[in-house]
All heavy atoms as atom14 arrays in JSON, in Angstrom:
{
  "sequence": "DRLSATRPASALVAATGNELNEFDDLVRHMQRWLLLRDAPRHS",
  "atom14_mask": [
    [1, 1, 1, 1, 1, 1, 1, 1, 0, 0, 0, 0, 0, 0],
    [1, 1, 1, 1, 1, 1, 1, 1, 1, 1, 1, 0, 0, 0],
    [1, 1, 1, 1, 1, 1, 1, 1, 0, 0, 0, 0, 0, 0],
    [1, 1, 1, 1, 1, 1, 0, 0, 0, 0, 0, 0, 0, 0],
    [1, 1, 1, 1, 1, 0, 0, 0, 0, 0, 0, 0, 0, 0],
    [1, 1, 1, 1, 1, 1, 1, 0, 0, 0, 0, 0, 0, 0],
    [1, 1, 1, 1, 1, 1, 1, 1, 1, 1, 1, 0, 0, 0],
    [1, 1, 1, 1, 1, 1, 1, 0, 0, 0, 0, 0, 0, 0],
    [1, 1, 1, 1, 1, 0, 0, 0, 0, 0, 0, 0, 0, 0],
    [1, 1, 1, 1, 1, 1, 0, 0, 0, 0, 0, 0, 0, 0],
    [1, 1, 1, 1, 1, 0, 0, 0, 0, 0, 0, 0, 0, 0],
    [1, 1, 1, 1, 1, 1, 1, 1, 0, 0, 0, 0, 0, 0],
    [1, 1, 1, 1, 1, 1, 1, 0, 0, 0, 0, 0, 0, 0],
    [1, 1, 1, 1, 1, 0, 0, 0, 0, 0, 0, 0, 0, 0],
    [1, 1, 1, 1, 1, 0, 0, 0, 0, 0, 0, 0, 0, 0],
    [1, 1, 1, 1, 1, 1, 1, 0, 0, 0, 0, 0, 0, 0],
    [1, 1, 1, 1, 0, 0, 0, 0, 0, 0, 0, 0, 0, 0],
    [1, 1, 1, 1, 1, 1, 1, 1, 0, 0, 0, 0, 0, 0],
    [1, 1, 1, 1, 1, 1, 1, 1, 1, 0, 0, 0, 0, 0],
    [1, 1, 1, 1, 1, 1, 1, 1, 0, 0, 0, 0, 0, 0],
    [1, 1, 1, 1, 1, 1, 1, 1, 0, 0, 0, 0, 0, 0],
    [1, 1, 1, 1, 1, 1, 1, 1, 1, 0, 0, 0, 0, 0],
    [1, 1, 1, 1, 1, 1, 1, 1, 1, 1, 1, 0, 0, 0],
    [1, 1, 1, 1, 1, 1, 1, 1, 0, 0, 0, 0, 0, 0],
    [1, 1, 1, 1, 1, 1, 1, 1, 0, 0, 0, 0, 0, 0],
    [1, 1, 1, 1, 1, 1, 1, 1, 0, 0, 0, 0, 0, 0],
    [1, 1, 1, 1, 1, 1, 1, 0, 0, 0, 0, 0, 0, 0],
    [1, 1, 1, 1, 1, 1, 1, 1, 1, 1, 1, 0, 0, 0],
    [1, 1, 1, 1, 1, 1, 1, 1, 1, 1, 0, 0, 0, 0],
    [1, 1, 1, 1, 1, 1, 1, 1, 0, 0, 0, 0, 0, 0],
    [1, 1, 1, 1, 1, 1, 1, 1, 1, 0, 0, 0, 0, 0],
    [1, 1, 1, 1, 1, 1, 1, 1, 1, 1, 1, 0, 0, 0],
    [1, 1, 1, 1, 1, 1, 1, 1, 1, 1, 1, 1, 1, 1],
    [1, 1, 1, 1, 1, 1, 1, 1, 0, 0, 0, 0, 0, 0],
    [1, 1, 1, 1, 1, 1, 1, 1, 0, 0, 0, 0, 0, 0],
    [1, 1, 1, 1, 1, 1, 1, 1, 0, 0, 0, 0, 0, 0],
    [1, 1, 1, 1, 1, 1, 1, 1, 1, 1, 1, 0, 0, 0],
    [1, 1, 1, 1, 1, 1, 1, 1, 0, 0, 0, 0, 0, 0],
    [1, 1, 1, 1, 1, 0, 0, 0, 0, 0, 0, 0, 0, 0],
    [1, 1, 1, 1, 1, 1, 1, 0, 0, 0, 0, 0, 0, 0],
    [1, 1, 1, 1, 1, 1, 1, 1, 1, 1, 1, 0, 0, 0],
    [1, 1, 1, 1, 1, 1, 1, 1, 1, 1, 0, 0, 0, 0],
    [1, 1, 1, 1, 1, 1, 0, 0, 0, 0, 0, 0, 0, 0]
  ],
  "atom14_positions": [
    [[0.81, -1.22, 0.0], [0.0, 0.0, 0.0], [0.84, 1.27, 0.0], [0.3, 2.37, -0.22], [-0.93, 0.0, 1.22], [-2.02, -1.06, 1.13], [-2.32, -1.48, -0.01], [-2.55, -1.48, 2.17], [0.0, 0.0, 0.0], [0.0, 0.0, 0.0], [0.0, 0.0, 0.0], [0.0, 0.0, 0.0], [0.0, 0.0, 0.0], [0.0, 0.0, 0.0]],
    [[2.11, 1.16, 0.26], [2.97, 2.35, 0.25], [3.29, 2.81, -1.17], [3.76, 3.94, -1.37], [4.26, 2.06, 1.01], [4.08, 1.79, 2.5], [5.36, 1.32, 3.13], [5.8, 0.04, 2.54], [6.96, -0.55, 2.85], [7.77, 0.02, 3.72], [7.28, -1.71, 2.28], [0.0, 0.0, 0.0], [0.0, 0.0, 0.0], [0.0, 0.0, 0.0]],
    [[3.02, 1.95, -2.14], [3.31, 2.28, -3.52], [2.04, 2.7, -4.25], [0.94, 2.33, -3.86], [3.94, 1.08, -4.22], [5.23, 0.55, -3.58], [5.73, -0.67, -4.33], [6.31, 1.63, -3.57], [0.0, 0.0, 0.0], [0.0, 0.0, 0.0], [0.0, 0.0, 0.0], [0.0, 0.0, 0.0], [0.0, 0.0, 0.0], [0.0, 0.0, 0.0]],
    [[2.2, 3.46, -5.33], [1.05, 3.99, -6.06], [1.12, 3.62, -7.53], [2.21, 3.52, -8.12], [1.01, 5.51, -5.91], [0.0, 6.07, -6.73], [0.0, 0.0, 0.0], [0.0, 0.0, 0.0], [0.0, 0.0, 0.0], [0.0, 0.0, 0.0], [0.0, 0.0, 0.0], [0.0, 0.0, 0.0], [0.0, 0.0, 0.0], [0.0, 0.0, 0.0]],
    [[-0.05, 3.41, -8.12], [-0.14, 3.14, -9.57], [-0.18, 4.43, -10.38], [-0.02, 4.39, -11.6], [-1.38, 2.32, -9.87], [0.0, 0.0, 0.0], [0.0, 0.0, 0.0], [0.0, 0.0, 0.0], [0.0, 0.0, 0.0], [0.0, 0.0, 0.0], [0.0, 0.0, 0.0], [0.0, 0.0, 0.0], [0.0, 0.0, 0.0], [0.0, 0.0, 0.0]],
    [[-0.42, 5.57, -9.74], [-0.5, 6.83, -10.46], [0.87, 7.21, -11.01], [1.91, 6.8, -10.48], [-1.02, 7.95, -9.56], [-0.12, 8.12, -8.44], [-2.4, 7.63, -9.03], [0.0, 0.0, 0.0], [0.0, 0.0, 0.0], [0.0, 0.0, 0.0], [0.0, 0.0, 0.0], [0.0, 0.0, 0.0], [0.0, 0.0, 0.0], [0.0, 0.0, 0.0]],
    [[0.87, 7.97, -12.1], [2.11, 8.38, -12.74], [2.17, 9.89, -12.87], [1.27, 10.51, -13.45], [2.23, 7.77, -14.14], [2.19, 6.26, -14.19], [3.47, 5.64, -13.66], [3.52, 4.22, -13.95], [2.94, 3.28, -13.21], [2.28, 3.62, -12.12], [3.04, 2.0, -13.55], [0.0, 0.0, 0.0], [0.0, 0.0, 0.0], [0.0, 0.0, 0.0]],
    [[3.23, 10.53, -12.36], [3.41, 11.95, -12.64], [3.79, 12.14, -14.1], [4.18, 11.19, -14.79], [4.57, 12.34, -11.7], [5.34, 11.07, -11.51], [4.32, 9.97, -11.54], [0.0, 0.0, 0.0], [0.0, 0.0, 0.0], [0.0, 0.0, 0.0], [0.0, 0.0, 0.0], [0.0, 0.0, 0.0], [0.0, 0.0, 0.0], [0.0, 0.0, 0.0]],
    [[3.67, 13.36, -14.58], [3.96, 13.64, -15.98], [5.37, 13.19, -16.36], [5.6, 12.66, -17.45], [3.78, 15.13, -16.26], [0.0, 0.0, 0.0], [0.0, 0.0, 0.0], [0.0, 0.0, 0.0], [0.0, 0.0, 0.0], [0.0, 0.0, 0.0], [0.0, 0.0, 0.0], [0.0, 0.0, 0.0], [0.0, 0.0, 0.0], [0.0, 0.0, 0.0]],
    [[6.34, 13.38, -15.46], [7.73, 13.04, -15.77], [7.94, 11.55, -15.95], [8.93, 11.12, -16.55], [8.65, 13.57, -14.67], [8.29, 13.02, -13.41], [0.0, 0.0, 0.0], [0.0, 0.0, 0.0], [0.0, 0.0, 0.0], [0.0, 0.0, 0.0], [0.0, 0.0, 0.0], [0.0, 0.0, 0.0], [0.0, 0.0, 0.0], [0.0, 0.0, 0.0]],
    [[7.02, 10.71, -15.42], [7.12, 9.27, -15.6], [6.49, 8.83, -16.92], [6.75, 7.73, -17.4], [6.45, 8.54, -14.44], [0.0, 0.0, 0.0], [0.0, 0.0, 0.0], [0.0, 0.0, 0.0], [0.0, 0.0, 0.0], [0.0, 0.0, 0.0], [0.0, 0.0, 0.0], [0.0, 0.0, 0.0], [0.0, 0.0, 0.0], [0.0, 0.0, 0.0]],
    [[5.66, 9.69, -17.5], [4.98, 9.35, -18.75], [5.76, 9.79, -19.98], [5.61, 9.21, -21.06], [3.59, 9.99, -18.77], [2.6, 9.45, -17.72], [1.34, 10.27, -17.7], [2.29, 7.98, -17.99], [0.0, 0.0, 0.0], [0.0, 0.0, 0.0], [0.0, 0.0, 0.0], [0.0, 0.0, 0.0], [0.0, 0.0, 0.0], [0.0, 0.0, 0.0]],
    [[6.58, 10.83, -19.82], [7.4, 11.33, -20.93], [8.78, 11.67, -20.38], [8.89, 12.31, -19.33], [6.79, 12.59, -21.58], [7.6, 12.99, -22.81], [5.34, 12.37, -21.94], [0.0, 0.0, 0.0], [0.0, 0.0, 0.0], [0.0, 0.0, 0.0], [0.0, 0.0, 0.0], [0.0, 0.0, 0.0], [0.0, 0.0, 0.0], [0.0, 0.0, 0.0]],
    [[9.81, 11.24, -21.09], [11.18, 11.53, -20.67], [11.53, 12.97, -21.05], [12.32, 13.24, -21.94], [12.16, 10.56, -21.31], [0.0, 0.0, 0.0], [0.0, 0.0, 0.0], [0.0, 0.0, 0.0], [0.0, 0.0, 0.0], [0.0, 0.0, 0.0], [0.0, 0.0, 0.0], [0.0, 0.0, 0.0], [0.0, 0.0, 0.0], [0.0, 0.0, 0.0]],
    [[10.9, 13.92, -20.35], [11.12, 15.34, -20.58], [11.01, 16.05, -19.23], [10.49, 15.49, -18.27], [10.11, 15.9, -21.57], [0.0, 0.0, 0.0], [0.0, 0.0, 0.0], [0.0, 0.0, 0.0], [0.0, 0.0, 0.0], [0.0, 0.0, 0.0], [0.0, 0.0, 0.0], [0.0, 0.0, 0.0], [0.0, 0.0, 0.0], [0.0, 0.0, 0.0]],
    [[11.5, 17.26, -19.17], [11.48, 18.01, -17.92], [11.01, 19.43, -18.15], [11.04, 19.95, -19.28], [12.88, 18.04, -17.28], [13.81, 18.62, -18.22], [13.35, 16.65, -16.9], [0.0, 0.0, 0.0], [0.0, 0.0, 0.0], [0.0, 0.0, 0.0], [0.0, 0.0, 0.0], [0.0, 0.0, 0.0], [0.0, 0.0, 0.0], [0.0, 0.0, 0.0]],
    [[10.57, 20.07, -17.05], [10.23, 21.48, -17.09], [9.2, 21.84, -18.14], [8.19, 21.16, -18.31], [0.0, 0.0, 0.0], [0.0, 0.0, 0.0], [0.0, 0.0, 0.0], [0.0, 0.0, 0.0], [0.0, 0.0, 0.0], [0.0, 0.0, 0.0], [0.0, 0.0, 0.0], [0.0, 0.0, 0.0], [0.0, 0.0, 0.0], [0.0, 0.0, 0.0]],
    [[9.49, 22.92, -18.86], [8.55, 23.42, -19.87], [8.34, 22.45, -21.03], [7.34, 22.53, -21.73], [9.04, 24.77, -20.42], [8.96, 25.87, -19.37], [8.15, 25.79, -18.44], [9.82, 26.87, -19.5], [0.0, 0.0, 0.0], [0.0, 0.0, 0.0], [0.0, 0.0, 0.0], [0.0, 0.0, 0.0], [0.0, 0.0, 0.0], [0.0, 0.0, 0.0]],
    [[9.31, 21.51, -21.22], [9.16, 20.54, -22.29], [7.92, 19.68, -22.1], [7.29, 19.22, -23.06], [10.39, 19.63, -22.35], [11.66, 20.35, -22.78], [12.87, 19.41, -22.72], [13.02, 18.71, -21.7], [13.63, 19.38, -23.69], [0.0, 0.0, 0.0], [0.0, 0.0, 0.0], [0.0, 0.0, 0.0], [0.0, 0.0, 0.0], [0.0, 0.0, 0.0]],
    [[7.54, 19.48, -20.85], [6.39, 18.63, -20.56], [5.06, 19.28, -20.95], [4.07, 18.58, -21.15], [6.35, 18.28, -19.06], [7.3, 17.18, -18.59], [7.31, 17.09, -17.07], [6.87, 15.83, -19.19], [0.0, 0.0, 0.0], [0.0, 0.0, 0.0], [0.0, 0.0, 0.0], [0.0, 0.0, 0.0], [0.0, 0.0, 0.0], [0.0, 0.0, 0.0]],
    [[5.05, 20.61, -21.07], [3.8, 21.3, -21.41], [3.26, 20.85, -22.76], [2.04, 20.88, -23.0], [4.02, 22.81, -21.42], [4.34, 23.35, -20.03], [4.02, 22.72, -19.02], [4.99, 24.5, -19.97], [0.0, 0.0, 0.0], [0.0, 0.0, 0.0], [0.0, 0.0, 0.0], [0.0, 0.0, 0.0], [0.0, 0.0, 0.0], [0.0, 0.0, 0.0]],
    [[4.16, 20.43, -23.65], [3.74, 19.97, -24.98], [2.83, 18.75, -24.9], [2.04, 18.5, -25.81], [4.98, 19.64, -25.82], [4.68, 19.08, -27.19], [5.93, 18.6, -27.91], [7.06, 18.92, -27.46], [5.77, 17.91, -28.94], [0.0, 0.0, 0.0], [0.0, 0.0, 0.0], [0.0, 0.0, 0.0], [0.0, 0.0, 0.0], [0.0, 0.0, 0.0]],
    [[2.93, 18.01, -23.79], [2.25, 16.73, -23.68], [1.08, 16.77, -22.69], [0.7, 15.74, -22.13], [3.25, 15.65, -23.26], [4.41, 15.53, -24.2], [5.63, 16.13, -23.92], [4.28, 14.86, -25.4], [6.7, 16.02, -24.79], [5.34, 14.75, -26.28], [6.56, 15.34, -25.98], [0.0, 0.0, 0.0], [0.0, 0.0, 0.0], [0.0, 0.0, 0.0]],
    [[0.49, 17.95, -22.51], [-0.61, 18.1, -21.55], [-1.77, 17.16, -21.86], [-2.37, 16.56, -20.96], [-1.11, 19.55, -21.53], [-0.18, 20.46, -20.74], [0.72, 19.94, -20.05], [-0.35, 21.7, -20.81], [0.0, 0.0, 0.0], [0.0, 0.0, 0.0], [0.0, 0.0, 0.0], [0.0, 0.0, 0.0], [0.0, 0.0, 0.0], [0.0, 0.0, 0.0]],
    [[-2.14, 17.03, -23.13], [-3.28, 16.17, -23.5], [-2.97, 14.71, -23.2], [-3.84, 13.96, -22.72], [-3.62, 16.33, -24.99], [-4.33, 17.65, -25.28], [-4.77, 18.32, -24.32], [-4.45, 18.0, -26.46], [0.0, 0.0, 0.0], [0.0, 0.0, 0.0], [0.0, 0.0, 0.0], [0.0, 0.0, 0.0], [0.0, 0.0, 0.0], [0.0, 0.0, 0.0]],
    [[-1.75, 14.29, -23.5], [-1.35, 12.91, -23.23], [-1.39, 12.61, -21.73], [-1.95, 11.6, -21.3], [0.06, 12.68, -23.77], [0.69, 11.32, -23.49], [-0.06, 10.21, -24.21], [2.16, 11.32, -23.9], [0.0, 0.0, 0.0], [0.0, 0.0, 0.0], [0.0, 0.0, 0.0], [0.0, 0.0, 0.0], [0.0, 0.0, 0.0], [0.0, 0.0, 0.0]],
    [[-0.81, 13.5, -20.94], [-0.76, 13.3, -19.49], [-2.17, 13.3, -18.9], [-2.52, 12.44, -18.08], [0.12, 14.38, -18.83], [0.01, 14.3, -17.31], [1.57, 14.23, -19.28], [0.0, 0.0, 0.0], [0.0, 0.0, 0.0], [0.0, 0.0, 0.0], [0.0, 0.0, 0.0], [0.0, 0.0, 0.0], [0.0, 0.0, 0.0], [0.0, 0.0, 0.0]],
    [[-3.0, 14.25, -19.33], [-4.38, 14.33, -18.82], [-5.13, 13.04, -19.1], [-5.83, 12.51, -18.23], [-5.08, 15.52, -19.48], [-6.58, 15.59, -19.23], [-7.23, 16.68, -20.06], [-6.94, 16.55, -21.48], [-7.55, 15.71, -22.3], [-8.48, 14.88, -21.83], [-7.24, 15.67, -23.58], [0.0, 0.0, 0.0], [0.0, 0.0, 0.0], [0.0, 0.0, 0.0]],
    [[-4.98, 12.53, -20.32], [-5.68, 11.3, -20.69], [-5.18, 10.11, -19.88], [-5.97, 9.33, -19.34], [-5.49, 11.04, -22.19], [-6.12, 9.78, -22.68], [-7.42, 9.74, -23.12], [-5.64, 8.51, -22.77], [-7.72, 8.5, -23.46], [-6.66, 7.73, -23.26], [0.0, 0.0, 0.0], [0.0, 0.0, 0.0], [0.0, 0.0, 0.0], [0.0, 0.0, 0.0]],
    [[-3.88, 9.96, -19.79], [-3.32, 8.78, -19.13], [-3.62, 8.77, -17.64], [-3.81, 7.7, -17.05], [-1.8, 8.72, -19.36], [-1.4, 8.54, -20.8], [-2.13, 7.08, -21.57], [-1.45, 5.79, -20.54], [0.0, 0.0, 0.0], [0.0, 0.0, 0.0], [0.0, 0.0, 0.0], [0.0, 0.0, 0.0], [0.0, 0.0, 0.0], [0.0, 0.0, 0.0]],
    [[-3.68, 9.93, -17.03], [-3.94, 9.97, -15.59], [-5.39, 9.64, -15.25], [-5.74, 9.51, -14.08], [-3.55, 11.34, -15.02], [-2.03, 11.52, -15.0], [-1.58, 12.87, -14.49], [-2.36, 13.84, -14.45], [-0.34, 12.97, -14.07], [0.0, 0.0, 0.0], [0.0, 0.0, 0.0], [0.0, 0.0, 0.0], [0.0, 0.0, 0.0], [0.0, 0.0, 0.0]],
    [[-6.23, 9.46, -16.3], [-7.6, 8.99, -16.08], [-7.74, 7.49, -16.31], [-8.8, 6.93, -16.07], [-8.57, 9.74, -17.02], [-8.65, 11.23, -16.74], [-9.78, 11.87, -17.53], [-9.73, 11.54, -18.94], [-10.08, 12.39, -19.91], [-10.48, 13.61, -19.6], [-10.04, 12.02, -21.17], [0.0, 0.0, 0.0], [0.0, 0.0, 0.0], [0.0, 0.0, 0.0]],
    [[-6.69, 6.85, -16.8], [-6.76, 5.41, -17.06], [-7.04, 4.65, -15.78], [-6.43, 4.92, -14.73], [-5.43, 4.94, -17.65], [-5.39, 4.95, -19.15], [-6.11, 5.74, -19.97], [-4.55, 4.14, -19.98], [-5.78, 5.49, -21.28], [-4.83, 4.51, -21.32], [-3.59, 3.17, -19.73], [-4.18, 3.92, -22.4], [-2.95, 2.58, -20.8], [-3.25, 2.95, -22.12]],
    [[-7.92, 3.66, -15.87], [-8.21, 2.81, -14.71], [-6.95, 2.12, -14.21], [-6.75, 1.96, -13.01], [-9.27, 1.78, -15.11], [-9.74, 0.82, -14.02], [-10.42, 1.58, -12.89], [-10.69, -0.22, -14.6], [0.0, 0.0, 0.0], [0.0, 0.0, 0.0], [0.0, 0.0, 0.0], [0.0, 0.0, 0.0], [0.0, 0.0, 0.0], [0.0, 0.0, 0.0]],
    [[-6.1, 1.71, -15.14], [-4.87, 1.01, -14.78], [-3.95, 1.86, -13.91], [-3.16, 1.32, -13.12], [-4.12, 0.62, -16.08], [-2.83, -0.17, -15.95], [-3.11, -1.55, -15.37], [-2.13, -0.28, -17.3], [0.0, 0.0, 0.0], [0.0, 0.0, 0.0], [0.0, 0.0, 0.0], [0.0, 0.0, 0.0], [0.0, 0.0, 0.0], [0.0, 0.0, 0.0]],
    [[-4.07, 3.18, -14.04], [-3.17, 4.09, -13.31], [-3.9, 4.82, -12.19], [-3.53, 5.94, -11.83], [-2.55, 5.09, -14.29], [-1.8, 4.49, -15.47], [-1.17, 5.58, -16.33], [-0.72, 3.51, -15.01], [0.0, 0.0, 0.0], [0.0, 0.0, 0.0], [0.0, 0.0, 0.0], [0.0, 0.0, 0.0], [0.0, 0.0, 0.0], [0.0, 0.0, 0.0]],
    [[-4.92, 4.2, -11.64], [-5.65, 4.77, -10.5], [-5.51, 3.87, -9.29], [-5.54, 2.65, -9.39], [-7.14, 4.95, -10.85], [-7.41, 5.8, -12.07], [-6.95, 7.22, -11.91], [-7.75, 7.97, -10.97], [-8.82, 8.68, -11.32], [-9.24, 8.7, -12.57], [-9.49, 9.37, -10.41], [0.0, 0.0, 0.0], [0.0, 0.0, 0.0], [0.0, 0.0, 0.0]],
    [[-5.39, 4.49, -8.12], [-5.29, 3.74, -6.87], [-6.66, 3.54, -6.25], [-7.63, 4.23, -6.59], [-4.41, 4.51, -5.87], [-2.95, 4.51, -6.27], [-2.49, 3.51, -6.83], [-2.25, 5.52, -6.0], [0.0, 0.0, 0.0], [0.0, 0.0, 0.0], [0.0, 0.0, 0.0], [0.0, 0.0, 0.0], [0.0, 0.0, 0.0], [0.0, 0.0, 0.0]],
    [[-6.73, 2.58, -5.33], [-7.93, 2.44, -4.51], [-8.05, 3.69, -3.61], [-7.04, 4.29, -3.24], [-7.83, 1.18, -3.66], [0.0, 0.0, 0.0], [0.0, 0.0, 0.0], [0.0, 0.0, 0.0], [0.0, 0.0, 0.0], [0.0, 0.0, 0.0], [0.0, 0.0, 0.0], [0.0, 0.0, 0.0], [0.0, 0.0, 0.0], [0.0, 0.0, 0.0]],
    [[-9.27, 4.13, -3.28], [-10.55, 3.47, -3.58], [-11.14, 3.84, -4.96], [-12.1, 3.21, -5.38], [-11.46, 3.99, -2.48], [-10.95, 5.36, -2.2], [-9.44, 5.28, -2.37], [0.0, 0.0, 0.0], [0.0, 0.0, 0.0], [0.0, 0.0, 0.0], [0.0, 0.0, 0.0], [0.0, 0.0, 0.0], [0.0, 0.0, 0.0], [0.0, 0.0, 0.0]],
    [[-10.57, 4.86, -5.64], [-11.16, 5.27, -6.92], [-11.09, 4.16, -7.94], [-12.03, 3.98, -8.74], [-10.43, 6.52, -7.44], [-11.08, 7.14, -8.67], [-12.54, 7.47, -8.42], [-13.17, 8.11, -9.56], [-14.48, 8.14, -9.77], [-15.3, 7.56, -8.9], [-14.98, 8.75, -10.83], [0.0, 0.0, 0.0], [0.0, 0.0, 0.0], [0.0, 0.0, 0.0]],
    [[-10.02, 3.39, -7.96], [-9.91, 2.26, -8.89], [-11.07, 1.28, -8.69], [-11.71, 0.86, -9.65], [-8.57, 1.54, -8.68], [-8.39, 0.33, -9.54], [-7.74, 0.38, -10.75], [-8.77, -0.96, -9.37], [-7.75, -0.83, -11.29], [-8.35, -1.66, -10.47], [0.0, 0.0, 0.0], [0.0, 0.0, 0.0], [0.0, 0.0, 0.0], [0.0, 0.0, 0.0]],
    [[-11.34, 0.95, -7.43], [-12.42, 0.0, -7.12], [-13.78, 0.57, -7.5], [-14.66, -0.14, -8.0], [-12.4, -0.36, -5.64], [-11.13, -0.89, -5.28], [0.0, 0.0, 0.0], [0.0, 0.0, 0.0], [0.0, 0.0, 0.0], [0.0, 0.0, 0.0], [0.0, 0.0, 0.0], [0.0, 0.0, 0.0], [0.0, 0.0, 0.0], [0.0, 0.0, 0.0]]
  ]
}
């Protein structure tokens, strides 16, 4: 339970800082994936 399935933007794209802004749509979509949600929301 100390670990999380959620992913920050930096884990989804190998980019940093302002470079990550280009991928806002990708990050927004992926962070809604059931696979990347923790309990209780996953359940």
